[in-house]
Amino acid sequence: MVVGDVVNDVGVIGVTLTFQPALGVSIMISVAQNYSNFIQITDGVNTGVLYHGTQGYVDTANVKIMINNTNYLSILSAADSSVYTGIQIQ
């Protein structure tokens, strides 16, 4: 992958969608969607919740979430499928 490449994935119901870029790569996530579950940043041990669906509707289709190999994206998917898209920035 090179700077400017688009990254995205669609997960299935019941499977956590995790995206951890390669070492030295940084990604800006611009869309992260899951209607009823957690969208999180994790380092593999500690986790911070960015969004939880039961808190009501939040527009996660227009975000700027920076991730890398150390702190990366995790979307829990118990009741809905998940999706993210972004672009490599480093």
PDB file of N, CA and C in Angstrom:
ATOM      1  N   MET A   1       0.840  -1.185   0.000  1.00  0.00           N
ATOM      2  CA  MET A   1       0.000   0.000   0.000  1.00  0.00           C
ATOM      3  C   MET A   1       0.882   1.244   0.000  1.00  0.00           C
ATOM      4  N   VAL A   2       0.328   2.310  -0.555  1.00  0.00           N
ATOM      5  CA  VAL A   2       1.042   3.589  -0.597  1.00  0.00           C
ATOM      6  C   VAL A   2       0.096   4.690  -0.153  1.00  0.00           C
ATOM      7  N   VAL A   3       0.674   5.852   0.175  1.00  0.00           N
ATOM      8  CA  VAL A   3      -0.125   7.007   0.577  1.00  0.00           C
ATOM      9  C   VAL A   3      -1.157   7.297  -0.508  1.00  0.00           C
ATOM     10  N   GLY A   4      -2.391   7.503  -0.083  1.00  0.00           N
ATOM     11  CA  GLY A   4      -3.480   7.779  -1.005  1.00  0.00           C
ATOM     12  C   GLY A   4      -4.349   6.577  -1.324  1.00  0.00           C
ATOM     13  N   ASP A   5      -3.876   5.374  -1.007  1.00  0.00           N
ATOM     14  CA  ASP A   5      -4.692   4.183  -1.241  1.00  0.00           C
ATOM     15  C   ASP A   5      -5.905   4.170  -0.321  1.00  0.00           C
ATOM     16  N   VAL A   6      -7.026   3.718  -0.849  1.00  0.00           N
ATOM     17  CA  VAL A   6      -8.260   3.589  -0.078  1.00  0.00           C
ATOM     18  C   VAL A   6      -8.278   2.230   0.610  1.00  0.00           C
ATOM     19  N   VAL A   7      -8.723   2.222   1.856  1.00  0.00           N
ATOM     20  CA  VAL A   7      -8.904   0.982   2.610  1.00  0.00           C
ATOM     21  C   VAL A   7     -10.361   0.914   3.050  1.00  0.00           C
ATOM     22  N   ASN A   8     -10.938  -0.291   3.017  1.00  0.00           N
ATOM     23  CA  ASN A   8     -12.297  -0.462   3.518  1.00  0.00           C
ATOM     24  C   ASN A   8     -12.577  -1.937   3.725  1.00  0.00           C
ATOM     25  N   ASP A   9     -13.627  -2.194   4.457  1.00  0.00           N
ATOM     26  CA  ASP A   9     -14.040  -3.568   4.715  1.00  0.00           C
ATOM     27  C   ASP A   9     -15.486  -3.558   5.190  1.00  0.00           C
ATOM     28  N   VAL A  10     -16.159  -4.653   4.947  1.00  0.00           N
ATOM     29  CA  VAL A  10     -17.524  -4.864   5.434  1.00  0.00           C
ATOM     30  C   VAL A  10     -17.505  -6.138   6.256  1.00  0.00           C
ATOM     31  N   GLY A  11     -17.945  -6.040   7.494  1.00  0.00           N
ATOM     32  CA  GLY A  11     -17.967  -7.199   8.380  1.00  0.00           C
ATOM     33  C   GLY A  11     -19.312  -7.895   8.358  1.00  0.00           C
ATOM     34  N   VAL A  12     -19.359  -9.044   8.979  1.00  0.00           N
ATOM     35  CA  VAL A  12     -20.601  -9.813   9.067  1.00  0.00           C
ATOM     36  C   VAL A  12     -21.132  -9.767  10.493  1.00  0.00           C
ATOM     37  N   ILE A  13     -22.411 -10.004  10.631  1.00  0.00           N
ATOM     38  CA  ILE A  13     -23.054  -9.994  11.944  1.00  0.00           C
ATOM     39  C   ILE A  13     -22.408 -11.048  12.835  1.00  0.00           C
ATOM     40  N   GLY A  14     -22.074 -10.657  14.060  1.00  0.00           N
ATOM     41  CA  GLY A  14     -21.534 -11.585  15.044  1.00  0.00           C
ATOM     42  C   GLY A  14     -20.023 -11.702  15.046  1.00  0.00           C
ATOM     43  N   VAL A  15     -19.350 -10.995  14.144  1.00  0.00           N
ATOM     44  CA  VAL A  15     -17.886 -11.065  14.074  1.00  0.00           C
ATOM     45  C   VAL A  15     -17.317  -9.664  14.256  1.00  0.00           C
ATOM     46  N   THR A  16     -16.373  -9.500  15.184  1.00  0.00           N
ATOM     47  CA  THR A  16     -15.731  -8.207  15.395  1.00  0.00           C
ATOM     48  C   THR A  16     -14.868  -7.868  14.185  1.00  0.00           C
ATOM     49  N   LEU A  17     -15.063  -6.665  13.655  1.00  0.00           N
ATOM     50  CA  LEU A  17     -14.294  -6.179  12.517  1.00  0.00           C
ATOM     51  C   LEU A  17     -13.115  -5.372  13.059  1.00  0.00           C
ATOM     52  N   THR A  18     -11.899  -5.855  12.840  1.00  0.00           N
ATOM     53  CA  THR A  18     -10.696  -5.208  13.353  1.00  0.00           C
ATOM     54  C   THR A  18      -9.797  -4.851  12.184  1.00  0.00           C
ATOM     55  N   PHE A  19      -9.258  -3.630  12.218  1.00  0.00           N
ATOM     56  CA  PHE A  19      -8.302  -3.210  11.203  1.00  0.00           C
ATOM     57  C   PHE A  19      -7.077  -2.624  11.889  1.00  0.00           C
ATOM     58  N   GLN A  20      -5.951  -3.329  11.781  1.00  0.00           N
ATOM     59  CA  GLN A  20      -4.677  -2.894  12.337  1.00  0.00           C
ATOM     60  C   GLN A  20      -3.694  -2.728  11.177  1.00  0.00           C
ATOM     61  N   PRO A  21      -3.366  -1.480  10.821  1.00  0.00           N
ATOM     62  CA  PRO A  21      -2.440  -1.253   9.715  1.00  0.00           C
ATOM     63  C   PRO A  21      -1.058  -1.835  10.009  1.00  0.00           C
ATOM     64  N   ALA A  22      -0.293  -2.030   8.956  1.00  0.00           N
ATOM     65  CA  ALA A  22       1.079  -2.510   9.096  1.00  0.00           C
ATOM     66  C   ALA A  22       1.926  -1.496   9.852  1.00  0.00           C
ATOM     67  N   LEU A  23       3.036  -1.944  10.397  1.00  0.00           N
ATOM     68  CA  LEU A  23       3.969  -1.078  11.121  1.00  0.00           C
ATOM     69  C   LEU A  23       4.430   0.054  10.207  1.00  0.00           C
ATOM     70  N   GLY A  24       4.380   1.295  10.700  1.00  0.00           N
ATOM     71  CA  GLY A  24       4.808   2.459   9.933  1.00  0.00           C
ATOM     72  C   GLY A  24       3.737   3.064   9.055  1.00  0.00           C
ATOM     73  N   VAL A  25       2.544   2.458   9.022  1.00  0.00           N
ATOM     74  CA  VAL A  25       1.436   2.947   8.194  1.00  0.00           C
ATOM     75  C   VAL A  25       0.418   3.652   9.082  1.00  0.00           C
ATOM     76  N   SER A  26      -0.062   4.816   8.627  1.00  0.00           N
ATOM     77  CA  SER A  26      -1.139   5.541   9.307  1.00  0.00           C
ATOM     78  C   SER A  26      -2.317   5.671   8.358  1.00  0.00           C
ATOM     79  N   ILE A  27      -3.512   5.542   8.897  1.00  0.00           N
ATOM     80  CA  ILE A  27      -4.751   5.580   8.121  1.00  0.00           C
ATOM     81  C   ILE A  27      -5.696   6.596   8.754  1.00  0.00           C
ATOM     82  N   MET A  28      -6.403   7.365   7.905  1.00  0.00           N
ATOM     83  CA  MET A  28      -7.482   8.211   8.394  1.00  0.00           C
ATOM     84  C   MET A  28      -8.792   7.527   8.008  1.00  0.00           C
ATOM     85  N   ILE A  29      -9.539   7.096   9.006  1.00  0.00           N
ATOM     86  CA  ILE A  29     -10.851   6.497   8.789  1.00  0.00           C
ATOM     87  C   ILE A  29     -11.858   7.637   8.647  1.00  0.00           C
ATOM     88  N   SER A  30     -12.633   7.629   7.562  1.00  0.00           N
ATOM     89  CA  SER A  30     -13.600   8.699   7.331  1.00  0.00           C
ATOM     90  C   SER A  30     -15.046   8.232   7.533  1.00  0.00           C
ATOM     91  N   VAL A  31     -15.268   6.925   7.532  1.00  0.00           N
ATOM     92  CA  VAL A  31     -16.587   6.350   7.820  1.00  0.00           C
ATOM     93  C   VAL A  31     -16.378   5.107   8.673  1.00  0.00           C
ATOM     94  N   ALA A  32     -17.102   5.001   9.758  1.00  0.00           N
ATOM     95  CA  ALA A  32     -17.116   3.792  10.585  1.00  0.00           C
ATOM     96  C   ALA A  32     -18.555   3.622  11.057  1.00  0.00           C
ATOM     97  N   GLN A  33     -19.225   2.593  10.572  1.00  0.00           N
ATOM     98  CA  GLN A  33     -20.651   2.443  10.864  1.00  0.00           C
ATOM     99  C   GLN A  33     -20.963   1.098  11.496  1.00  0.00           C
ATOM    100  N   ASN A  34     -21.791   1.143  12.495  1.00  0.00           N
ATOM    101  CA  ASN A  34     -22.460  -0.015  13.072  1.00  0.00           C
ATOM    102  C   ASN A  34     -23.586   0.545  13.903  1.00  0.00           C
ATOM    103  N   TYR A  35     -24.799   0.206  13.576  1.00  0.00           N
ATOM    104  CA  TYR A  35     -25.948   0.867  14.177  1.00  0.00           C
ATOM    105  C   TYR A  35     -26.099   0.638  15.673  1.00  0.00           C
ATOM    106  N   SER A  36     -25.781  -0.552  16.168  1.00  0.00           N
ATOM    107  CA  SER A  36     -26.158  -0.843  17.550  1.00  0.00           C
ATOM    108  C   SER A  36     -25.017  -1.323  18.448  1.00  0.00           C
ATOM    109  N   ASN A  37     -23.789  -1.225  18.005  1.00  0.00           N
ATOM    110  CA  ASN A  37     -22.697  -1.759  18.803  1.00  0.00           C
ATOM    111  C   ASN A  37     -21.539  -0.777  18.926  1.00  0.00           C
ATOM    112  N   PHE A  38     -20.438  -1.235  19.514  1.00  0.00           N
ATOM    113  CA  PHE A  38     -19.296  -0.383  19.802  1.00  0.00           C
ATOM    114  C   PHE A  38     -18.396  -0.149  18.597  1.00  0.00           C
ATOM    115  N   ILE A  39     -17.976   1.093  18.403  1.00  0.00           N
ATOM    116  CA  ILE A  39     -16.871   1.434  17.517  1.00  0.00           C
ATOM    117  C   ILE A  39     -15.762   1.913  18.450  1.00  0.00           C
ATOM    118  N   GLN A  40     -14.602   1.262  18.378  1.00  0.00           N
ATOM    119  CA  GLN A  40     -13.565   1.461  19.385  1.00  0.00           C
ATOM    120  C   GLN A  40     -12.177   1.657  18.762  1.00  0.00           C
ATOM    121  N   ILE A  41     -11.293   2.231  19.557  1.00  0.00           N
ATOM    122  CA  ILE A  41      -9.862   2.235  19.280  1.00  0.00           C
ATOM    123  C   ILE A  41      -9.226   1.367  20.364  1.00  0.00           C
ATOM    124  N   THR A  42      -8.315   0.491  19.956  1.00  0.00           N
ATOM    125  CA  THR A  42      -7.668  -0.401  20.918  1.00  0.00           C
ATOM    126  C   THR A  42      -6.182  -0.491  20.638  1.00  0.00           C
ATOM    127  N   ASP A  43      -5.428  -0.838  21.665  1.00  0.00           N
ATOM    128  CA  ASP A  43      -4.005  -1.147  21.490  1.00  0.00           C
ATOM    129  C   ASP A  43      -3.754  -2.637  21.718  1.00  0.00           C
ATOM    130  N   GLY A  44      -4.837  -3.400  21.760  1.00  0.00           N
ATOM    131  CA  GLY A  44      -4.749  -4.838  21.996  1.00  0.00           C
ATOM    132  C   GLY A  44      -4.957  -5.211  23.445  1.00  0.00           C
ATOM    133  N   VAL A  45      -4.787  -4.246  24.348  1.00  0.00           N
ATOM    134  CA  VAL A  45      -5.004  -4.460  25.785  1.00  0.00           C
ATOM    135  C   VAL A  45      -6.067  -3.492  26.294  1.00  0.00           C
ATOM    136  N   ASN A  46      -5.857  -2.215  26.058  1.00  0.00           N
ATOM    137  CA  ASN A  46      -6.778  -1.166  26.488  1.00  0.00           C
ATOM    138  C   ASN A  46      -7.671  -0.771  25.317  1.00  0.00           C
ATOM    139  N   THR A  47      -8.921  -0.400  25.647  1.00  0.00           N
ATOM    140  CA  THR A  47      -9.887  -0.053  24.609  1.00  0.00           C
ATOM    141  C   THR A  47     -10.619   1.218  24.997  1.00  0.00           C
ATOM    142  N   GLY A  48     -10.775   2.115  24.021  1.00  0.00           N
ATOM    143  CA  GLY A  48     -11.558   3.333  24.211  1.00  0.00           C
ATOM    144  C   GLY A  48     -12.744   3.318  23.270  1.00  0.00           C
ATOM    145  N   VAL A  49     -13.925   3.549  23.796  1.00  0.00           N
ATOM    146  CA  VAL A  49     -15.147   3.526  22.988  1.00  0.00           C
ATOM    147  C   VAL A  49     -15.347   4.901  22.356  1.00  0.00           C
ATOM    148  N   LEU A  50     -15.439   4.924  21.020  1.00  0.00           N
ATOM    149  CA  LEU A  50     -15.734   6.160  20.297  1.00  0.00           C
ATOM    150  C   LEU A  50     -17.228   6.371  20.152  1.00  0.00           C
ATOM    151  N   TYR A  51     -17.958   5.260  20.021  1.00  0.00           N
ATOM    152  CA  TYR A  51     -19.391   5.325  19.768  1.00  0.00           C
ATOM    153  C   TYR A  51     -20.045   4.041  20.250  1.00  0.00           C
ATOM    154  N   HIS A  52     -21.209   4.184  20.866  1.00  0.00           N
ATOM    155  CA  HIS A  52     -22.015   3.017  21.242  1.00  0.00           C
ATOM    156  C   HIS A  52     -23.438   3.249  20.772  1.00  0.00           C
ATOM    157  N   GLY A  53     -23.958   2.348  19.970  1.00  0.00           N
ATOM    158  CA  GLY A  53     -25.263   2.506  19.335  1.00  0.00           C
ATOM    159  C   GLY A  53     -26.421   2.716  20.267  1.00  0.00           C
ATOM    160  N   THR A  54     -26.366   2.209  21.481  1.00  0.00           N
ATOM    161  CA  THR A  54     -27.504   2.369  22.389  1.00  0.00           C
ATOM    162  C   THR A  54     -27.584   3.777  22.960  1.00  0.00           C
ATOM    163  N   GLN A  55     -26.596   4.616  22.675  1.00  0.00           N
ATOM    164  CA  GLN A  55     -26.638   6.002  23.154  1.00  0.00           C
ATOM    165  C   GLN A  55     -27.449   6.893  22.227  1.00  0.00           C
ATOM    166  N   GLY A  56     -28.049   6.338  21.215  1.00  0.00           N
ATOM    167  CA  GLY A  56     -28.819   7.114  20.251  1.00  0.00           C
ATOM    168  C   GLY A  56     -28.023   7.319  18.980  1.00  0.00           C
ATOM    169  N   TYR A  57     -28.655   7.907  18.004  1.00  0.00           N
ATOM    170  CA  TYR A  57     -28.023   8.061  16.698  1.00  0.00           C
ATOM    171  C   TYR A  57     -26.893   9.083  16.750  1.00  0.00           C
ATOM    172  N   VAL A  58     -25.758   8.703  16.240  1.00  0.00           N
ATOM    173  CA  VAL A  58     -24.615   9.598  16.071  1.00  0.00           C
ATOM    174  C   VAL A  58     -24.145   9.425  14.638  1.00  0.00           C
ATOM    175  N   ASP A  59     -23.868  10.523  13.939  1.00  0.00           N
ATOM    176  CA  ASP A  59     -23.422  10.454  12.549  1.00  0.00           C
ATOM    177  C   ASP A  59     -21.953  10.049  12.498  1.00  0.00           C
ATOM    178  N   THR A  60     -21.707   8.759  12.278  1.00  0.00           N
ATOM    179  CA  THR A  60     -20.330   8.268  12.163  1.00  0.00           C
ATOM    180  C   THR A  60     -19.927   8.125  10.699  1.00  0.00           C
ATOM    181  N   ALA A  61     -20.718   8.730   9.800  1.00  0.00           N
ATOM    182  CA  ALA A  61     -20.395   8.678   8.380  1.00  0.00           C
ATOM    183  C   ALA A  61     -19.521   9.855   7.970  1.00  0.00           C
ATOM    184  N   ASN A  62     -19.187  10.723   8.892  1.00  0.00           N
ATOM    185  CA  ASN A  62     -18.350  11.877   8.571  1.00  0.00           C
ATOM    186  C   ASN A  62     -17.404  12.120   9.750  1.00  0.00           C
ATOM    187  N   VAL A  63     -16.411  11.241   9.873  1.00  0.00           N
ATOM    188  CA  VAL A  63     -15.486  11.301  11.002  1.00  0.00           C
ATOM    189  C   VAL A  63     -14.051  11.371  10.493  1.00  0.00           C
ATOM    190  N   LYS A  64     -13.149  11.682  11.378  1.00  0.00           N
ATOM    191  CA  LYS A  64     -11.722  11.617  11.087  1.00  0.00           C
ATOM    192  C   LYS A  64     -11.063  10.892  12.260  1.00  0.00           C
ATOM    193  N   ILE A  65     -10.888   9.597  12.093  1.00  0.00           N
ATOM    194  CA  ILE A  65     -10.281   8.760  13.120  1.00  0.00           C
ATOM    195  C   ILE A  65      -8.911   8.338  12.606  1.00  0.00           C
ATOM    196  N   MET A  66      -7.854   8.746  13.290  1.00  0.00           N
ATOM    197  CA  MET A  66      -6.503   8.387  12.881  1.00  0.00           C
ATOM    198  C   MET A  66      -6.088   7.107  13.591  1.00  0.00           C
ATOM    199  N   ILE A  67      -5.645   6.115  12.824  1.00  0.00           N
ATOM    200  CA  ILE A  67      -5.197   4.860  13.414  1.00  0.00           C
ATOM    201  C   ILE A  67      -3.830   4.489  12.854  1.00  0.00           C
ATOM    202  N   ASN A  68      -3.145   3.625  13.594  1.00  0.00           N
ATOM    203  CA  ASN A  68      -1.849   3.106  13.155  1.00  0.00           C
ATOM    204  C   ASN A  68      -1.689   1.698  13.711  1.00  0.00           C
ATOM    205  N   ASN A  69      -0.490   1.163  13.639  1.00  0.00           N
ATOM    206  CA  ASN A  69      -0.247  -0.200  14.103  1.00  0.00           C
ATOM    207  C   ASN A  69      -0.386  -0.328  15.611  1.00  0.00           C
ATOM    208  N   THR A  70      -0.173   0.759  16.344  1.00  0.00           N
ATOM    209  CA  THR A  70      -0.247   0.735  17.805  1.00  0.00           C
ATOM    210  C   THR A  70      -1.673   0.905  18.315  1.00  0.00           C
ATOM    211  N   ASN A  71      -2.401   1.862  17.773  1.00  0.00           N
ATOM    212  CA  ASN A  71      -3.778   2.152  18.164  1.00  0.00           C
ATOM    213  C   ASN A  71      -4.660   2.003  16.937  1.00  0.00           C
ATOM    214  N   TYR A  72      -5.509   0.974  16.944  1.00  0.00           N
ATOM    215  CA  TYR A  72      -6.207   0.600  15.731  1.00  0.00           C
ATOM    216  C   TYR A  72      -7.701   0.416  15.962  1.00  0.00           C
ATOM    217  N   LEU A  73      -8.435   0.209  14.873  1.00  0.00           N
ATOM    218  CA  LEU A  73      -9.895   0.197  14.873  1.00  0.00           C
ATOM    219  C   LEU A  73     -10.456  -1.181  15.200  1.00  0.00           C
ATOM    220  N   SER A  74     -11.507  -1.197  16.015  1.00  0.00           N
ATOM    221  CA  SER A  74     -12.226  -2.430  16.334  1.00  0.00           C
ATOM    222  C   SER A  74     -13.708  -2.087  16.402  1.00  0.00           C
ATOM    223  N   ILE A  75     -14.519  -2.787  15.604  1.00  0.00           N
ATOM    224  CA  ILE A  75     -15.967  -2.551  15.597  1.00  0.00           C
ATOM    225  C   ILE A  75     -16.664  -3.850  15.996  1.00  0.00           C
ATOM    226  N   LEU A  76     -17.281  -3.849  17.173  1.00  0.00           N
ATOM    227  CA  LEU A  76     -18.038  -5.018  17.621  1.00  0.00           C
ATOM    228  C   LEU A  76     -19.303  -5.131  16.789  1.00  0.00           C
ATOM    229  N   SER A  77     -19.717  -6.337  16.531  1.00  0.00           N
ATOM    230  CA  SER A  77     -20.826  -6.533  15.602  1.00  0.00           C
ATOM    231  C   SER A  77     -21.734  -7.666  16.058  1.00  0.00           C
ATOM    232  N   ALA A  78     -22.454  -7.468  17.132  1.00  0.00           N
ATOM    233  CA  ALA A  78     -23.324  -8.521  17.655  1.00  0.00           C
ATOM    234  C   ALA A  78     -24.661  -8.600  16.915  1.00  0.00           C
ATOM    235  N   ALA A  79     -25.228  -7.457  16.554  1.00  0.00           N
ATOM    236  CA  ALA A  79     -26.570  -7.466  15.973  1.00  0.00           C
ATOM    237  C   ALA A  79     -26.639  -6.878  14.564  1.00  0.00           C
ATOM    238  N   ASP A  80     -25.608  -6.192  14.126  1.00  0.00           N
ATOM    239  CA  ASP A  80     -25.606  -5.551  12.811  1.00  0.00           C
ATOM    240  C   ASP A  80     -24.261  -5.779  12.135  1.00  0.00           C
ATOM    241  N   SER A  81     -24.231  -5.685  10.821  1.00  0.00           N
ATOM    242  CA  SER A  81     -22.954  -5.745  10.127  1.00  0.00           C
ATOM    243  C   SER A  81     -22.240  -4.405  10.294  1.00  0.00           C
ATOM    244  N   SER A  82     -20.935  -4.408  10.069  1.00  0.00           N
ATOM    245  CA  SER A  82     -20.107  -3.223  10.263  1.00  0.00           C
ATOM    246  C   SER A  82     -19.413  -2.855   8.962  1.00  0.00           C
ATOM    247  N   VAL A  83     -19.005  -1.602   8.870  1.00  0.00           N
ATOM    248  CA  VAL A  83     -18.276  -1.133   7.695  1.00  0.00           C
ATOM    249  C   VAL A  83     -17.354   0.019   8.098  1.00  0.00           C
ATOM    250  N   TYR A  84     -16.227   0.115   7.418  1.00  0.00           N
ATOM    251  CA  TYR A  84     -15.376   1.288   7.556  1.00  0.00           C
ATOM    252  C   TYR A  84     -14.733   1.578   6.210  1.00  0.00           C
ATOM    253  N   THR A  85     -14.330   2.819   6.017  1.00  0.00           N
ATOM    254  CA  THR A  85     -13.530   3.197   4.860  1.00  0.00           C
ATOM    255  C   THR A  85     -12.609   4.329   5.267  1.00  0.00           C
ATOM    256  N   GLY A  86     -11.476   4.411   4.614  1.00  0.00           N
ATOM    257  CA  GLY A  86     -10.514   5.453   4.928  1.00  0.00           C
ATOM    258  C   GLY A  86      -9.442   5.525   3.861  1.00  0.00           C
ATOM    259  N   ILE A  87      -8.385   6.268   4.172  1.00  0.00           N
ATOM    260  CA  ILE A  87      -7.310   6.479   3.212  1.00  0.00           C
ATOM    261  C   ILE A  87      -5.964   6.453   3.944  1.00  0.00           C
ATOM    262  N   GLN A  88      -4.960   5.877   3.294  1.00  0.00           N
ATOM    263  CA  GLN A  88      -3.627   5.840   3.893  1.00  0.00           C
ATOM    264  C   GLN A  88      -3.012   7.232   3.806  1.00  0.00           C
ATOM    265  N   ILE A  89      -2.525   7.735   4.958  1.00  0.00           N
ATOM    266  CA  ILE A  89      -1.932   9.059   5.010  1.00  0.00           C
ATOM    267  C   ILE A  89      -0.439   9.030   5.294  1.00  0.00           C
ATOM    268  N   GLN A  90       0.094   7.869   5.646  1.00  0.00           N
ATOM    269  CA  GLN A  90       1.535   7.734   5.880  1.00  0.00           C
ATOM    270  C   GLN A  90       1.942   6.297   5.636  1.00  0.00           C
TER     271      GLN A  90
END
